[in-house]
């Protein structure tokens, strides 16, 4: 079958049938019909978790973690594709508090969920998925930093910040047994949130 593309804009009315469109170099031209995450959200595959009160973050990669961590249970039927992570400071820290994303893995997964949060669907009112989230948990394996979210500052050099939102675009995947969290280099107080897509393992 030969695929034909028309170079240049196509003017068409609803219900008409057209060919694909190409630019002058012959490349296929496409456009989003909706927002980047609309399709999986409407299908009930995107979820979020967030602190519901200002939380004191544990220091660095302490395995007795307080803050926010999202984990995939050991027998989960899905992989978690991390879409976004966000953090907002609510108090000026005493020392420079770099905020970053960390990850870890253990076959059995996180088993000590000290302060569970309730993951919710971004299709508001829909049911929850397979992932777990905690404001406090005992981490397993060896957590490591992935990347920074927010640079550090102190009360003496306080600047106004908007919530730091990191769009990972699904570049980090949590398999069963894995986890991803938001950590602080030194003690910090704030709110955090994370969104992810749950993709069936085939």
C-alpha atoms as a PDB file:
ATOM      1  CA  UNK A   1       0.000   0.000   0.000  1.00  0.00           C
ATOM      2  CA  UNK A   2       1.358   3.405  -0.982  1.00  0.00           C
ATOM      3  CA  UNK A   3       0.994   6.185   1.598  1.00  0.00           C
ATOM      4  CA  UNK A   4       0.466   9.589   0.069  1.00  0.00           C
ATOM      5  CA  UNK A   5       1.008  12.878   1.883  1.00  0.00           C
ATOM      6  CA  UNK A   6      -0.090  16.303   0.690  1.00  0.00           C
ATOM      7  CA  UNK A   7       2.407  19.154   1.101  1.00  0.00           C
ATOM      8  CA  UNK A   8       0.925  22.237   2.742  1.00  0.00           C
ATOM      9  CA  UNK A   9      -2.199  23.008   4.797  1.00  0.00           C
ATOM     10  CA  UNK A  10      -5.369  21.036   4.102  1.00  0.00           C
ATOM     11  CA  UNK A  11      -8.715  22.845   4.314  1.00  0.00           C
ATOM     12  CA  UNK A  12     -11.445  20.314   5.075  1.00  0.00           C
ATOM     13  CA  UNK A  13     -14.889  20.215   6.668  1.00  0.00           C
ATOM     14  CA  UNK A  14     -16.163  17.830   9.351  1.00  0.00           C
ATOM     15  CA  UNK A  15     -16.808  14.333   8.003  1.00  0.00           C
ATOM     16  CA  UNK A  16     -14.554  14.659   4.969  1.00  0.00           C
ATOM     17  CA  UNK A  17     -11.745  12.169   4.239  1.00  0.00           C
ATOM     18  CA  UNK A  18      -8.266  13.530   3.555  1.00  0.00           C
ATOM     19  CA  UNK A  19      -4.709  12.333   3.039  1.00  0.00           C
ATOM     20  CA  UNK A  20      -1.910  12.894   5.534  1.00  0.00           C
ATOM     21  CA  UNK A  21      -0.015  16.196   5.427  1.00  0.00           C
ATOM     22  CA  UNK A  22       3.715  16.774   4.796  1.00  0.00           C
ATOM     23  CA  UNK A  23       6.049  19.746   5.029  1.00  0.00           C
ATOM     24  CA  UNK A  24       8.228  20.862   2.099  1.00  0.00           C
ATOM     25  CA  UNK A  25      10.897  18.334   3.084  1.00  0.00           C
ATOM     26  CA  UNK A  26       8.386  15.473   2.908  1.00  0.00           C
ATOM     27  CA  UNK A  27       8.196  14.981   6.700  1.00  0.00           C
ATOM     28  CA  UNK A  28       4.834  13.968   8.164  1.00  0.00           C
ATOM     29  CA  UNK A  29       3.122  16.867   9.976  1.00  0.00           C
ATOM     30  CA  UNK A  30       1.139  16.011  13.105  1.00  0.00           C
ATOM     31  CA  UNK A  31      -0.584  18.032  15.821  1.00  0.00           C
ATOM     32  CA  UNK A  32      -1.855  17.180  19.288  1.00  0.00           C
ATOM     33  CA  UNK A  33      -5.610  16.817  19.423  1.00  0.00           C
ATOM     34  CA  UNK A  34      -5.616  17.373  23.199  1.00  0.00           C
ATOM     35  CA  UNK A  35      -3.219  18.022  26.072  1.00  0.00           C
ATOM     36  CA  UNK A  36      -0.198  15.747  26.447  1.00  0.00           C
ATOM     37  CA  UNK A  37      -1.762  13.627  29.198  1.00  0.00           C
ATOM     38  CA  UNK A  38      -5.473  13.901  28.306  1.00  0.00           C
ATOM     39  CA  UNK A  39      -5.838  10.484  26.656  1.00  0.00           C
ATOM     40  CA  UNK A  40      -4.385   8.327  29.474  1.00  0.00           C
ATOM     41  CA  UNK A  41      -6.123  10.508  32.074  1.00  0.00           C
ATOM     42  CA  UNK A  42      -9.544   9.985  30.494  1.00  0.00           C
ATOM     43  CA  UNK A  43      -8.803   6.254  30.365  1.00  0.00           C
ATOM     44  CA  UNK A  44      -8.153   6.309  34.115  1.00  0.00           C
ATOM     45  CA  UNK A  45      -4.436   5.433  33.900  1.00  0.00           C
ATOM     46  CA  UNK A  46      -2.866   8.536  35.476  1.00  0.00           C
ATOM     47  CA  UNK A  47      -2.684   8.963  39.244  1.00  0.00           C
ATOM     48  CA  UNK A  48      -1.274  11.447  41.724  1.00  0.00           C
ATOM     49  CA  UNK A  49      -0.205  11.609  45.354  1.00  0.00           C
ATOM     50  CA  UNK A  50       0.521  14.713  47.421  1.00  0.00           C
ATOM     51  CA  UNK A  51       1.167  15.721  50.993  1.00  0.00           C
ATOM     52  CA  UNK A  52      -2.023  16.941  52.652  1.00  0.00           C
ATOM     53  CA  UNK A  53      -0.175  18.939  55.322  1.00  0.00           C
ATOM     54  CA  UNK A  54       3.192  20.681  55.526  1.00  0.00           C
ATOM     55  CA  UNK A  55       5.735  17.920  56.122  1.00  0.00           C
ATOM     56  CA  UNK A  56       9.230  17.927  57.605  1.00  0.00           C
ATOM     57  CA  UNK A  57      11.586  16.239  55.143  1.00  0.00           C
ATOM     58  CA  UNK A  58      14.166  13.779  56.387  1.00  0.00           C
ATOM     59  CA  UNK A  59      17.812  14.621  55.731  1.00  0.00           C
ATOM     60  CA  UNK A  60      19.456  13.360  52.530  1.00  0.00           C
ATOM     61  CA  UNK A  61      18.950   9.673  51.681  1.00  0.00           C
ATOM     62  CA  UNK A  62      17.866   8.559  55.141  1.00  0.00           C
ATOM     63  CA  UNK A  63      16.145   5.171  54.809  1.00  0.00           C
ATOM     64  CA  UNK A  64      13.706   6.274  57.526  1.00  0.00           C
ATOM     65  CA  UNK A  65      12.181   8.657  55.024  1.00  0.00           C
ATOM     66  CA  UNK A  66       9.718  11.441  55.722  1.00  0.00           C
ATOM     67  CA  UNK A  67       8.503  13.508  52.811  1.00  0.00           C
ATOM     68  CA  UNK A  68       6.940  11.813  49.789  1.00  0.00           C
ATOM     69  CA  UNK A  69       7.719   8.473  48.182  1.00  0.00           C
ATOM     70  CA  UNK A  70       5.755   6.540  45.539  1.00  0.00           C
ATOM     71  CA  UNK A  71       6.304   2.794  45.352  1.00  0.00           C
ATOM     72  CA  UNK A  72       5.208  -0.113  43.186  1.00  0.00           C
ATOM     73  CA  UNK A  73       4.286  -3.231  45.211  1.00  0.00           C
ATOM     74  CA  UNK A  74       6.265  -6.406  44.543  1.00  0.00           C
ATOM     75  CA  UNK A  75       3.334  -8.239  42.901  1.00  0.00           C
ATOM     76  CA  UNK A  76       1.956  -5.247  41.015  1.00  0.00           C
ATOM     77  CA  UNK A  77       0.548  -5.936  37.513  1.00  0.00           C
ATOM     78  CA  UNK A  78       1.769  -2.556  36.212  1.00  0.00           C
ATOM     79  CA  UNK A  79       4.861  -0.428  35.700  1.00  0.00           C
ATOM     80  CA  UNK A  80       4.681   3.161  36.943  1.00  0.00           C
ATOM     81  CA  UNK A  81       5.788   5.774  34.420  1.00  0.00           C
ATOM     82  CA  UNK A  82       6.634   8.976  36.314  1.00  0.00           C
ATOM     83  CA  UNK A  83       5.236  12.046  34.581  1.00  0.00           C
ATOM     84  CA  UNK A  84       5.719  14.949  36.996  1.00  0.00           C
ATOM     85  CA  UNK A  85       7.204  15.761  40.400  1.00  0.00           C
ATOM     86  CA  UNK A  86       6.682  18.972  42.330  1.00  0.00           C
ATOM     87  CA  UNK A  87       7.847  20.611  45.560  1.00  0.00           C
ATOM     88  CA  UNK A  88       6.940  23.835  47.371  1.00  0.00           C
ATOM     89  CA  UNK A  89       8.825  25.098  50.435  1.00  0.00           C
ATOM     90  CA  UNK A  90       6.637  26.407  53.272  1.00  0.00           C
ATOM     91  CA  UNK A  91       9.370  27.582  55.672  1.00  0.00           C
ATOM     92  CA  UNK A  92      12.770  29.145  55.114  1.00  0.00           C
ATOM     93  CA  UNK A  93      15.315  26.421  55.924  1.00  0.00           C
ATOM     94  CA  UNK A  94      18.137  26.909  58.417  1.00  0.00           C
ATOM     95  CA  UNK A  95      20.680  25.620  55.878  1.00  0.00           C
ATOM     96  CA  UNK A  96      20.780  25.253  52.103  1.00  0.00           C
ATOM     97  CA  UNK A  97      18.163  22.625  51.282  1.00  0.00           C
ATOM     98  CA  UNK A  98      18.605  21.228  47.793  1.00  0.00           C
ATOM     99  CA  UNK A  99      15.479  19.273  46.774  1.00  0.00           C
ATOM    100  CA  UNK A 100      15.852  16.321  44.425  1.00  0.00           C
ATOM    101  CA  UNK A 101      14.416  13.081  43.131  1.00  0.00           C
ATOM    102  CA  UNK A 102      15.732   9.742  44.407  1.00  0.00           C
ATOM    103  CA  UNK A 103      15.019   6.107  43.555  1.00  0.00           C
ATOM    104  CA  UNK A 104      15.640   2.617  44.875  1.00  0.00           C
ATOM    105  CA  UNK A 105      14.667  -1.004  44.399  1.00  0.00           C
ATOM    106  CA  UNK A 106      14.284  -4.224  46.365  1.00  0.00           C
ATOM    107  CA  UNK A 107      12.592  -7.406  45.205  1.00  0.00           C
ATOM    108  CA  UNK A 108      10.141  -7.360  48.120  1.00  0.00           C
ATOM    109  CA  UNK A 109       9.451  -3.636  47.729  1.00  0.00           C
ATOM    110  CA  UNK A 110       8.748  -1.208  50.565  1.00  0.00           C
ATOM    111  CA  UNK A 111       7.028  -3.080  53.395  1.00  0.00           C
ATOM    112  CA  UNK A 112       7.003  -0.475  56.201  1.00  0.00           C
ATOM    113  CA  UNK A 113       4.427   2.172  55.196  1.00  0.00           C
ATOM    114  CA  UNK A 114       4.531   4.382  58.305  1.00  0.00           C
ATOM    115  CA  UNK A 115       2.295   7.228  57.124  1.00  0.00           C
ATOM    116  CA  UNK A 116       0.363   6.165  54.018  1.00  0.00           C
ATOM    117  CA  UNK A 117      -1.118   8.670  51.596  1.00  0.00           C
ATOM    118  CA  UNK A 118      -4.042   7.897  49.285  1.00  0.00           C
ATOM    119  CA  UNK A 119      -3.124   7.936  45.570  1.00  0.00           C
ATOM    120  CA  UNK A 120      -5.971   9.296  43.460  1.00  0.00           C
ATOM    121  CA  UNK A 121      -6.880   9.222  39.781  1.00  0.00           C
ATOM    122  CA  UNK A 122      -6.470  12.418  37.760  1.00  0.00           C
ATOM    123  CA  UNK A 123      -9.885  11.498  36.353  1.00  0.00           C
ATOM    124  CA  UNK A 124     -11.468  13.041  39.420  1.00  0.00           C
ATOM    125  CA  UNK A 125     -13.758  10.618  41.243  1.00  0.00           C
ATOM    126  CA  UNK A 126     -12.326   7.537  39.527  1.00  0.00           C
ATOM    127  CA  UNK A 127     -10.915   4.582  41.483  1.00  0.00           C
ATOM    128  CA  UNK A 128      -7.325   4.345  42.703  1.00  0.00           C
ATOM    129  CA  UNK A 129      -4.701   2.214  41.007  1.00  0.00           C
ATOM    130  CA  UNK A 130      -1.936  -0.195  42.054  1.00  0.00           C
ATOM    131  CA  UNK A 131       0.740   2.206  43.324  1.00  0.00           C
ATOM    132  CA  UNK A 132       1.302   3.136  46.968  1.00  0.00           C
ATOM    133  CA  UNK A 133       2.400   6.501  48.362  1.00  0.00           C
ATOM    134  CA  UNK A 134       3.705   7.522  51.772  1.00  0.00           C
ATOM    135  CA  UNK A 135       4.550  10.657  53.727  1.00  0.00           C
ATOM    136  CA  UNK A 136       6.778   8.416  55.858  1.00  0.00           C
ATOM    137  CA  UNK A 137       8.190   4.967  55.068  1.00  0.00           C
ATOM    138  CA  UNK A 138      11.212   2.780  55.700  1.00  0.00           C
ATOM    139  CA  UNK A 139      13.098   2.516  52.407  1.00  0.00           C
ATOM    140  CA  UNK A 140      14.712  -0.719  51.266  1.00  0.00           C
ATOM    141  CA  UNK A 141      17.638  -1.301  48.958  1.00  0.00           C
ATOM    142  CA  UNK A 142      20.044   1.609  48.459  1.00  0.00           C
ATOM    143  CA  UNK A 143      18.325   4.857  47.422  1.00  0.00           C
ATOM    144  CA  UNK A 144      20.290   7.087  45.041  1.00  0.00           C
ATOM    145  CA  UNK A 145      19.743  10.614  43.727  1.00  0.00           C
ATOM    146  CA  UNK A 146      18.343  10.898  40.202  1.00  0.00           C
ATOM    147  CA  UNK A 147      18.226  14.672  39.610  1.00  0.00           C
ATOM    148  CA  UNK A 148      17.585  18.009  41.354  1.00  0.00           C
ATOM    149  CA  UNK A 149      14.189  19.715  41.463  1.00  0.00           C
ATOM    150  CA  UNK A 150      14.821  22.911  43.441  1.00  0.00           C
ATOM    151  CA  UNK A 151      18.044  24.756  44.271  1.00  0.00           C
ATOM    152  CA  UNK A 152      18.891  25.577  47.890  1.00  0.00           C
ATOM    153  CA  UNK A 153      18.624  28.828  49.801  1.00  0.00           C
ATOM    154  CA  UNK A 154      18.694  30.049  53.404  1.00  0.00           C
ATOM    155  CA  UNK A 155      16.664  32.543  55.418  1.00  0.00           C
ATOM    156  CA  UNK A 156      19.487  35.085  54.983  1.00  0.00           C
ATOM    157  CA  UNK A 157      19.218  34.792  51.198  1.00  0.00           C
ATOM    158  CA  UNK A 158      15.520  34.045  50.827  1.00  0.00           C
ATOM    159  CA  UNK A 159      14.068  34.513  47.375  1.00  0.00           C
ATOM    160  CA  UNK A 160      10.505  34.137  46.190  1.00  0.00           C
ATOM    161  CA  UNK A 161       9.865  30.837  44.467  1.00  0.00           C
ATOM    162  CA  UNK A 162       6.967  29.232  42.675  1.00  0.00           C
ATOM    163  CA  UNK A 163       6.390  25.529  43.228  1.00  0.00           C
ATOM    164  CA  UNK A 164       9.094  23.646  41.317  1.00  0.00           C
ATOM    165  CA  UNK A 165       7.450  21.311  38.787  1.00  0.00           C
ATOM    166  CA  UNK A 166       9.669  18.814  37.011  1.00  0.00           C
ATOM    167  CA  UNK A 167       8.116  17.302  33.865  1.00  0.00           C
ATOM    168  CA  UNK A 168       9.781  13.906  33.450  1.00  0.00           C
ATOM    169  CA  UNK A 169       7.583  12.956  30.467  1.00  0.00           C
ATOM    170  CA  UNK A 170       7.612   9.287  31.483  1.00  0.00           C
ATOM    171  CA  UNK A 171      11.416   9.028  31.374  1.00  0.00           C
ATOM    172  CA  UNK A 172      11.582   7.256  34.774  1.00  0.00           C
ATOM    173  CA  UNK A 173       9.880   3.869  35.206  1.00  0.00           C
ATOM    174  CA  UNK A 174       9.163   2.138  38.526  1.00  0.00           C
ATOM    175  CA  UNK A 175       8.870  -1.651  38.109  1.00  0.00           C
ATOM    176  CA  UNK A 176       7.344  -3.846  40.826  1.00  0.00           C
ATOM    177  CA  UNK A 177       9.580  -3.528  43.902  1.00  0.00           C
ATOM    178  CA  UNK A 178      10.861  -0.068  42.981  1.00  0.00           C
ATOM    179  CA  UNK A 179      10.191   3.382  44.378  1.00  0.00           C
ATOM    180  CA  UNK A 180      10.816   7.049  43.602  1.00  0.00           C
ATOM    181  CA  UNK A 181      10.721   9.827  46.166  1.00  0.00           C
ATOM    182  CA  UNK A 182      11.400  13.499  46.698  1.00  0.00           C
ATOM    183  CA  UNK A 183      14.255  14.173  49.104  1.00  0.00           C
ATOM    184  CA  UNK A 184      16.003  17.142  50.725  1.00  0.00           C
ATOM    185  CA  UNK A 185      19.733  17.500  51.256  1.00  0.00           C
ATOM    186  CA  UNK A 186      19.125  19.123  54.657  1.00  0.00           C
ATOM    187  CA  UNK A 187      16.009  19.497  56.810  1.00  0.00           C
ATOM    188  CA  UNK A 188      13.155  21.241  54.968  1.00  0.00           C
ATOM    189  CA  UNK A 189       9.425  21.756  55.438  1.00  0.00           C
ATOM    190  CA  UNK A 190       7.003  21.787  52.536  1.00  0.00           C
ATOM    191  CA  UNK A 191       4.482  20.099  50.287  1.00  0.00           C
ATOM    192  CA  UNK A 192       5.231  17.775  47.360  1.00  0.00           C
ATOM    193  CA  UNK A 193       3.288  15.952  44.691  1.00  0.00           C
ATOM    194  CA  UNK A 194       3.900  13.371  41.992  1.00  0.00           C
ATOM    195  CA  UNK A 195       1.930  12.066  38.993  1.00  0.00           C
ATOM    196  CA  UNK A 196       2.417   8.801  37.137  1.00  0.00           C
ATOM    197  CA  UNK A 197       0.822   6.562  34.528  1.00  0.00           C
ATOM    198  CA  UNK A 198       0.128   2.917  35.332  1.00  0.00           C
ATOM    199  CA  UNK A 199       0.985   0.745  32.319  1.00  0.00           C
ATOM    200  CA  UNK A 200       0.043  -2.960  32.323  1.00  0.00           C
ATOM    201  CA  UNK A 201       3.013  -5.344  32.204  1.00  0.00           C
ATOM    202  CA  UNK A 202       2.821  -7.537  29.114  1.00  0.00           C
END
